[in-house]
Amino acid sequence: MRLQIEDHEVIESKSEFSVWDLRIGEPFEGLCELADSVDLSHVSDVDHAHIPYVVLLTLFTKQWRRVHQGHLPATAQEKATFRRIILSAKRCDGEFNFDEAVEQVFQTWADPRQLPPEVTQAIDAAASSRVKSSPFKLCLQAIGAWSREDNDGKPPLSGTIPDMHASTDRFVALQRVYDNQAEADCNAVQGKLRSIATSQLEFDKCVSGELLTRICKHLREVRIVTTKSLAEEMIRPYLEDEFILLESEACHSPQNPFTWYIAVRAADRFFIKRRRWPHCAADASNLSTEVCGIHSACEPVRSANESQAGEIVRFCHSELHSVASIIGGVASQEAVKVLTKQCTPLNHTFVFDGISATSSVVSV
């Protein structure tokens, strides 16, 4: 199954490895005020055990900066010391908020300016004059310009916070602080957008339906997906990454899905030249020649693996209902991704091997 799309815009890619945007190391005014309102030495034991770990980390970070000339923990030794300081403030073993603070301590030195590379690429692509503008790209242009020019390189705050061990009142207060800052950042980006948009109509398209608000909130999940065209793939496929993976010890198997991709492409070439699919033993050598031809056209050139030619001949372009149901299910899933602009679609060819029940995505 192959997907061919150009400049597909995704707002919520729902990445499996998303990172919370908490700004503990560089707290904004509202978070500083909330943390300053907490005095750990004068709260009750119940309240002490229900202070959100974000507030705890903000407090301990502020204390650390006072002692270390404004610097955050940098070395492994300093980070270990910082963890011990947090644990030493516990009053009893049942204070899970302090345990969460230690588990999430890396949020303290996380750089809010560091975005996933896919997001950086999307912002750079939107800022390029060669890319035709859409409301989505105009929003990214405004976010990039505002971050660089007005916010010391930091993107707008997302405003979302994770679940944590805290009292209802303190959690709601923390969420309100993040919501207020996120709204303020979004309003500032909207001002930048007004100066970038070439007309009122263009500006209205960006802010209507809360498009700008959604992009600011989910900025770290934004993607622009462009697959290679089928013509580019056929003329000069690039298979270096797949060859490296194939030659690694873990994937060195005759049933690797990538080898079947080569074999199926060879069968396509066989059909184009002879107007029939390979089906007899005499066709195996011709099919092997086509496999070698694909390898010689690759960049870089590699030696061919011809072990699948016999299986392709035996297969004779038949279709099994069980395999077709799997491919159909994957295809419908990718169609939903493209239509809803949620989740990142495959880039770009999905190969399923029914013999070993394995699959892989190749981008050539």
Foldseek 3Di string as FASTA:
>chain_A
DWDADAFQKFQAQVDPDDDALLCLQNDDPLLVVLLVVDDLVPDDLVQNLAAALSSVSSVLQVVVCVVVVRDGQDDPVSLVVSLVVLVVSRPDPNSVNSVVNSVPVVSNPDDQLDAPPQLVVLLVLLCDPVDDDDLLSLLSVLQQCCLVPPPVNHGQHLLDDDDGRHDPVNVVSVSVSSVVSNVVRLVVSLVSSVVVDPDPVSSCNNPPPNNSNSCSNRSSRIHTDGADDPVVCVQENECVVVVVVCPDPVNVDPQRQVLVVLLVVLQVVVCVVVVAGQADPVCLVVSLVSSQVVQVRYVVRDGGDSVCSVVRNNCRPDDDPVVVVVVVVLVVVLVVCSVVSYHDHARIDKGARPVVRDIDGDGD
